[in-house]
Amino acid sequence: MEKTVEKHLEHLIKRYPALSPCQLQITDAFAMLCGCVQNGGTLFVCGNGGSAADAEHIVGELLKGFMKKRPLSAADQAALVAAAGPDEGGYLATKLQIGLRAMALTSHVGLATAVINDLGGDLVYAQQLNALAKPGDVLWAISTSGNARNVRLACHVARLREVRILGMTGATGGTLAGLADVCIRVPATQTFEIQEYHLPVYHALCAMIESQLFRDGI
């Protein structure tokens, strides 16, 4: 692990000492997520309620610059200017940022309502994974109890599609802990307290990934 990556983890533990027992799992999660992205895979994220909002938040940090600017490569910038001209091409070349392949399975309202109506409300995430996931991808599954049925069903499809699973739960872990390749079980049992720990954990993971993949960024 690069020193800049280690600093993000150290900073997390310094601010939230109670997360110290989760340090190894966070390190393993970082390795899993980085490996997926570096090999051209996609990170699929899901959860319910506040965890659905967390899924959207995570993807927002990955699809554009989080703590670094992530400028396009010189080749891409030149190609945009050549294709679209100095005005619009130049605008795109200087404004666009490199994004990481990530998708929140919570976002597709039209599909979600169709699945709920036609198949079953607990199959929204499983159906999307069944259609989109490929070997080498990662499912980032968030459930404060670890027992959300729709998240669990998505995990079963992930196994079918040879997709690795990162779980984020509360202290008990629930059934998700047994399904995940890596499970970060934060030290809380009340839903709102679990969510309060989840946010700094996933911010740290996003920062660690970005530091590893964009070492020359600002």
Protein backbone atom coordinates (compact mmCIF):
# COMPACT_ATOMS: atom_id res chain seq x y z
CA MET A 1 0.00 0.00 0.00
CA GLU A 2 1.34 3.46 -0.94
CA LYS A 3 2.20 5.87 1.88
CA THR A 4 -0.45 8.35 0.76
CA VAL A 5 -3.03 5.55 0.87
CA GLU A 6 -1.89 4.53 4.35
CA LYS A 7 -2.28 8.13 5.52
CA HIS A 8 -5.97 8.12 4.66
CA LEU A 9 -6.50 4.98 6.72
CA GLU A 10 -4.42 6.32 9.60
CA HIS A 11 -6.41 9.57 9.52
CA LEU A 12 -9.67 7.62 9.64
CA ILE A 13 -8.59 5.62 12.70
CA LYS A 14 -7.25 8.73 14.39
CA ARG A 15 -10.61 10.49 13.99
CA TYR A 16 -12.66 7.38 14.81
CA PRO A 17 -10.62 5.17 17.19
CA ALA A 18 -13.59 2.83 17.63
CA LEU A 19 -13.06 1.73 14.03
CA SER A 20 -9.61 0.33 14.84
CA PRO A 21 -10.90 -3.31 14.92
CA CYS A 22 -12.13 -2.80 11.32
CA GLN A 23 -8.72 -1.75 10.00
CA LEU A 24 -7.80 -5.11 8.44
CA GLN A 25 -11.19 -5.43 6.73
CA ILE A 26 -10.92 -1.89 5.37
CA THR A 27 -7.48 -2.72 3.97
CA ASP A 28 -8.84 -5.89 2.37
CA ALA A 29 -11.79 -3.94 0.96
CA PHE A 30 -9.42 -1.40 -0.55
CA ALA A 31 -7.43 -4.16 -2.26
CA MET A 32 -10.60 -5.75 -3.63
CA LEU A 33 -12.03 -2.48 -4.94
CA CYS A 34 -8.75 -1.30 -6.46
CA GLY A 35 -8.14 -4.65 -8.13
CA CYS A 36 -11.60 -4.57 -9.68
CA VAL A 37 -11.19 -1.08 -11.13
CA GLN A 38 -7.64 -1.68 -12.35
CA ASN A 39 -8.80 -4.79 -14.22
CA GLY A 40 -11.62 -2.96 -15.99
CA GLY A 41 -14.38 -4.15 -13.67
CA THR A 42 -17.43 -2.31 -12.38
CA LEU A 43 -18.38 -1.56 -8.79
CA PHE A 44 -22.09 -2.08 -8.15
CA VAL A 45 -23.43 -0.51 -4.94
CA CYS A 46 -26.75 -1.10 -3.19
CA GLY A 47 -28.58 -0.60 0.08
CA ASN A 48 -31.94 0.48 1.51
CA GLY A 49 -33.13 3.74 3.02
CA GLY A 50 -30.15 5.68 4.33
CA SER A 51 -27.88 3.00 2.90
CA ALA A 52 -29.42 3.61 -0.54
CA ALA A 53 -28.42 7.25 -0.13
CA ASP A 54 -24.95 6.05 0.86
CA ALA A 55 -24.79 3.96 -2.33
CA GLU A 56 -25.51 7.07 -4.39
CA HIS A 57 -22.96 9.03 -2.36
CA ILE A 58 -20.23 6.43 -2.93
CA VAL A 59 -20.80 6.36 -6.67
CA GLY A 60 -20.75 10.15 -6.76
CA GLU A 61 -17.24 10.12 -5.27
CA LEU A 62 -16.02 7.52 -7.78
CA LEU A 63 -17.47 8.80 -11.07
CA LYS A 64 -15.61 12.14 -10.83
CA GLY A 65 -12.80 13.66 -8.84
CA PHE A 66 -13.18 13.30 -5.09
CA MET A 67 -10.07 14.77 -3.46
CA LYS A 68 -8.06 15.06 -6.69
CA LYS A 69 -8.89 16.69 -10.01
CA ARG A 70 -8.25 13.63 -12.24
CA PRO A 71 -7.68 15.42 -15.58
CA LEU A 72 -8.10 13.55 -18.84
CA SER A 73 -5.01 12.19 -20.53
CA ALA A 74 -3.26 14.46 -23.02
CA ALA A 75 -4.30 12.06 -25.79
CA ASP A 76 -7.98 12.28 -24.84
CA GLN A 77 -7.82 16.05 -24.56
CA ALA A 78 -6.25 16.34 -28.01
CA ALA A 79 -8.80 13.96 -29.50
CA LEU A 80 -11.70 15.98 -28.09
CA VAL A 81 -10.31 19.21 -29.52
CA ALA A 82 -9.76 17.54 -32.88
CA ALA A 83 -13.28 16.06 -32.94
CA ALA A 84 -15.33 18.94 -31.54
CA GLY A 85 -13.19 21.99 -32.26
CA PRO A 86 -11.33 24.37 -29.98
CA ASP A 87 -14.48 25.82 -28.41
CA GLU A 88 -16.59 22.85 -27.30
CA GLY A 89 -13.75 20.34 -27.61
CA GLY A 90 -11.49 22.54 -25.54
CA TYR A 91 -14.24 22.99 -22.95
CA LEU A 92 -14.71 19.23 -22.66
CA ALA A 93 -10.97 18.59 -22.60
CA THR A 94 -10.34 20.95 -19.69
CA LYS A 95 -13.50 20.22 -17.67
CA LEU A 96 -14.07 16.46 -17.89
CA GLN A 97 -12.45 14.22 -15.29
CA ILE A 98 -11.48 10.55 -15.31
CA GLY A 99 -14.20 8.50 -13.63
CA LEU A 100 -14.12 5.01 -12.19
CA ARG A 101 -16.66 2.42 -13.35
CA ALA A 102 -19.33 2.45 -10.64
CA MET A 103 -23.10 2.11 -10.61
CA ALA A 104 -25.67 2.58 -7.86
CA LEU A 105 -28.31 -0.11 -8.26
CA THR A 106 -30.70 2.24 -6.44
CA SER A 107 -30.97 4.74 -9.30
CA HIS A 108 -33.10 3.21 -12.05
CA VAL A 109 -36.67 4.16 -11.20
CA GLY A 110 -38.29 2.92 -14.41
CA LEU A 111 -36.62 -0.46 -14.17
CA ALA A 112 -37.19 -0.69 -10.41
CA THR A 113 -40.94 -0.11 -10.73
CA ALA A 114 -41.16 -2.65 -13.55
CA VAL A 115 -39.33 -5.28 -11.49
CA ILE A 116 -41.47 -4.51 -8.43
CA ASN A 117 -44.66 -4.83 -10.48
CA ASP A 118 -43.69 -7.80 -12.65
CA LEU A 119 -41.27 -9.89 -10.60
CA GLY A 120 -41.16 -8.88 -6.95
CA GLY A 121 -40.01 -5.91 -4.91
CA ASP A 122 -37.06 -7.74 -3.41
CA LEU A 123 -35.55 -8.55 -6.84
CA VAL A 124 -34.62 -5.05 -8.03
CA TYR A 125 -30.92 -5.38 -7.24
CA ALA A 126 -30.70 -9.06 -8.16
CA GLN A 127 -32.26 -8.46 -11.59
CA GLN A 128 -29.81 -5.67 -12.42
CA LEU A 129 -26.82 -7.74 -11.40
CA ASN A 130 -28.11 -10.70 -13.36
CA ALA A 131 -28.20 -8.54 -16.49
CA LEU A 132 -25.11 -6.38 -16.03
CA ALA A 133 -22.51 -8.08 -13.85
CA LYS A 134 -19.54 -10.01 -15.16
CA PRO A 135 -16.70 -11.96 -13.54
CA GLY A 136 -14.26 -9.65 -11.80
CA ASP A 137 -16.85 -7.04 -10.83
CA VAL A 138 -17.58 -6.18 -7.18
CA LEU A 139 -20.91 -5.80 -5.39
CA TRP A 140 -20.62 -3.27 -2.57
CA ALA A 141 -23.59 -4.31 -0.42
CA ILE A 142 -24.69 -2.11 2.47
CA SER A 143 -27.11 -3.27 5.16
CA THR A 144 -27.06 -1.95 8.71
CA SER A 145 -28.62 -5.17 10.03
CA GLY A 146 -26.89 -7.41 7.49
CA ASN A 147 -30.25 -9.10 6.92
CA ALA A 148 -31.93 -7.09 4.14
CA ARG A 149 -33.52 -9.69 1.85
CA ASN A 150 -33.08 -7.72 -1.39
CA VAL A 151 -29.38 -7.23 -0.61
CA ARG A 152 -29.01 -10.91 0.26
CA LEU A 153 -30.66 -11.99 -3.00
CA ALA A 154 -28.30 -9.71 -4.91
CA CYS A 155 -25.40 -11.45 -3.20
CA HIS A 156 -26.60 -14.84 -4.42
CA VAL A 157 -26.69 -13.51 -8.00
CA ALA A 158 -23.24 -12.02 -7.47
CA ARG A 159 -21.95 -15.50 -6.64
CA LEU A 160 -23.60 -16.87 -9.78
CA ARG A 161 -21.90 -14.21 -11.91
CA GLU A 162 -18.49 -14.64 -10.19
CA VAL A 163 -18.71 -11.20 -8.64
CA ARG A 164 -16.91 -10.58 -5.36
CA ILE A 165 -18.85 -9.05 -2.48
CA LEU A 166 -17.90 -6.27 -0.08
CA GLY A 167 -20.35 -6.05 2.81
CA MET A 168 -20.84 -3.10 5.17
CA THR A 169 -22.94 -3.83 8.25
CA GLY A 170 -23.26 -3.14 11.94
CA ALA A 171 -21.56 -5.08 14.70
CA THR A 172 -23.68 -8.22 14.39
CA GLY A 173 -22.97 -8.67 10.68
CA GLY A 174 -26.19 -10.55 10.01
CA THR A 175 -26.40 -12.98 7.10
CA LEU A 176 -24.44 -10.58 4.89
CA ALA A 177 -21.29 -11.26 6.90
CA GLY A 178 -21.43 -14.89 5.83
CA LEU A 179 -22.04 -14.06 2.16
CA ALA A 180 -19.40 -11.36 1.71
CA ASP A 181 -15.78 -11.96 0.73
CA VAL A 182 -14.93 -9.03 2.99
CA CYS A 183 -17.31 -7.58 5.56
CA ILE A 184 -16.71 -4.33 7.42
CA ARG A 185 -18.70 -4.62 10.64
CA VAL A 186 -18.66 -1.22 12.32
CA PRO A 187 -18.95 -1.15 16.14
CA ALA A 188 -22.58 -0.11 16.53
CA THR A 189 -26.00 -1.76 16.65
CA GLN A 190 -28.39 1.18 16.32
CA THR A 191 -29.18 1.96 12.68
CA PHE A 192 -28.32 5.66 12.81
CA GLU A 193 -25.05 4.98 14.64
CA ILE A 194 -24.06 2.32 12.10
CA GLN A 195 -24.71 4.80 9.30
CA GLU A 196 -22.66 7.44 11.08
CA TYR A 197 -19.69 5.04 10.99
CA HIS A 198 -20.33 3.88 7.44
CA LEU A 199 -19.88 7.37 5.98
CA PRO A 200 -16.29 7.99 7.15
CA VAL A 201 -15.37 4.41 6.20
CA TYR A 202 -16.52 4.74 2.61
CA HIS A 203 -15.06 8.22 2.33
CA ALA A 204 -11.72 6.78 3.42
CA LEU A 205 -12.02 3.93 0.91
CA CYS A 206 -12.83 6.34 -1.92
CA ALA A 207 -9.86 8.52 -0.95
CA MET A 208 -7.57 5.48 -0.74
CA ILE A 209 -8.62 4.23 -4.17
CA GLU A 210 -8.17 7.66 -5.69
CA SER A 211 -4.73 8.10 -4.13
CA GLN A 212 -3.64 4.71 -5.46
CA LEU A 213 -4.90 5.21 -9.02
CA PHE A 214 -4.24 8.93 -9.51
CA ARG A 215 -0.86 9.44 -7.87
CA ASP A 216 0.05 12.44 -10.03
CA GLY A 217 -3.23 14.29 -9.48
CA ILE A 218 -3.63 17.40 -7.36
